[in-house]
């Protein structure tokens, strides 16, 4: 067997590092790992407390559908208040 036959292709080497049934937080400043229980509808990141809705492609294969807006809005408003920033005003208040 030649040396070239022993080497793995790029896709084959990446396949060994895949995590099935796990994903990372979609918060760019966090990127924590999450592993949901089977059938779970939402998951909260243990590192940054952001919450995400999930869909199940297969019984053991989850995907993030998007954020849970009311939870993440509260977290963002708390961070904004801690930094001393002025909260944005709605268009209705400007009239």
Protein backbone atom coordinates (compact mmCIF):
# COMPACT_ATOMS: atom_id res chain seq x y z
CA UNK A 1 0.00 0.00 0.00
CA UNK A 2 1.44 3.36 -0.95
CA UNK A 3 1.66 6.33 1.39
CA UNK A 4 -1.06 8.25 -0.51
CA UNK A 5 -3.57 5.45 0.10
CA UNK A 6 -3.03 5.66 3.89
CA UNK A 7 -3.83 9.39 4.05
CA UNK A 8 -7.39 10.53 4.60
CA UNK A 9 -9.06 13.11 2.40
CA UNK A 10 -10.10 16.45 3.91
CA UNK A 11 -13.73 15.33 4.28
CA UNK A 12 -12.71 12.02 5.85
CA UNK A 13 -10.49 13.69 8.43
CA UNK A 14 -13.21 16.22 9.33
CA UNK A 15 -15.77 13.45 9.75
CA UNK A 16 -13.81 12.18 12.79
CA UNK A 17 -14.21 15.54 14.58
CA UNK A 18 -17.99 15.96 13.99
CA UNK A 19 -20.30 16.15 16.98
CA UNK A 20 -23.68 14.57 16.32
CA UNK A 21 -26.60 15.89 18.37
CA UNK A 22 -24.68 18.87 19.76
CA UNK A 23 -24.26 22.45 18.59
CA UNK A 24 -22.71 25.75 19.59
CA UNK A 25 -24.44 28.85 20.91
CA UNK A 26 -25.26 31.33 18.16
CA UNK A 27 -24.19 34.28 20.31
CA UNK A 28 -20.96 35.42 18.59
CA UNK A 29 -19.35 36.46 21.86
CA UNK A 30 -20.15 33.11 23.54
CA UNK A 31 -20.05 30.08 21.20
CA UNK A 32 -20.63 27.69 24.14
CA UNK A 33 -21.49 24.05 23.46
CA UNK A 34 -25.02 22.78 24.07
CA UNK A 35 -26.39 19.23 24.05
CA UNK A 36 -30.19 19.06 24.24
CA UNK A 37 -32.26 16.19 25.59
CA UNK A 38 -34.29 14.28 23.00
CA UNK A 39 -37.48 16.11 22.00
CA UNK A 40 -36.62 19.32 23.85
CA UNK A 41 -38.30 22.41 22.29
CA UNK A 42 -35.96 25.11 23.65
CA UNK A 43 -32.46 25.18 25.06
CA UNK A 44 -30.64 27.77 27.16
CA UNK A 45 -26.91 28.32 26.80
CA UNK A 46 -25.19 27.56 30.12
CA UNK A 47 -22.55 30.23 29.50
CA UNK A 48 -24.53 33.31 28.36
CA UNK A 49 -28.17 32.33 29.23
CA UNK A 50 -29.47 33.06 25.72
CA UNK A 51 -32.36 30.78 24.81
CA UNK A 52 -33.00 29.18 21.41
CA UNK A 53 -35.90 27.34 19.75
CA UNK A 54 -35.03 23.95 18.30
CA UNK A 55 -36.29 21.66 15.57
CA UNK A 56 -35.55 17.95 15.30
CA UNK A 57 -34.47 16.79 11.83
CA UNK A 58 -34.30 13.19 13.10
CA UNK A 59 -35.17 11.88 16.58
CA UNK A 60 -31.53 12.31 17.61
CA UNK A 61 -30.49 15.23 15.35
CA UNK A 62 -31.38 18.78 16.58
CA UNK A 63 -31.05 22.10 14.80
CA UNK A 64 -31.44 25.65 16.11
CA UNK A 65 -34.46 27.39 14.56
CA UNK A 66 -33.83 30.78 16.14
CA UNK A 67 -33.77 32.75 19.38
CA UNK A 68 -36.55 33.00 21.94
CA UNK A 69 -37.03 36.75 21.49
CA UNK A 70 -38.59 37.80 24.81
CA UNK A 71 -35.87 36.04 26.86
CA UNK A 72 -33.01 37.36 24.75
CA UNK A 73 -34.49 40.89 24.69
CA UNK A 74 -34.54 40.92 28.51
CA UNK A 75 -30.90 39.82 28.61
CA UNK A 76 -29.90 42.51 26.09
CA UNK A 77 -31.79 45.23 27.98
CA UNK A 78 -30.11 44.22 31.25
CA UNK A 79 -26.65 44.37 29.63
CA UNK A 80 -27.48 47.73 28.05
CA UNK A 81 -28.65 49.10 31.42
CA UNK A 82 -25.50 47.83 33.15
CA UNK A 83 -23.36 49.66 30.58
CA UNK A 84 -25.34 52.89 31.06
CA UNK A 85 -26.65 53.06 27.49
CA UNK A 86 -29.97 54.73 26.79
CA UNK A 87 -32.62 52.21 25.66
CA UNK A 88 -33.97 52.80 22.16
CA UNK A 89 -37.32 54.56 21.92
CA UNK A 90 -40.13 53.15 19.86
CA UNK A 91 -41.59 54.99 16.88
CA UNK A 92 -44.91 55.46 18.70
CA UNK A 93 -43.25 57.52 21.45
CA UNK A 94 -41.64 59.93 18.94
CA UNK A 95 -45.01 61.19 17.62
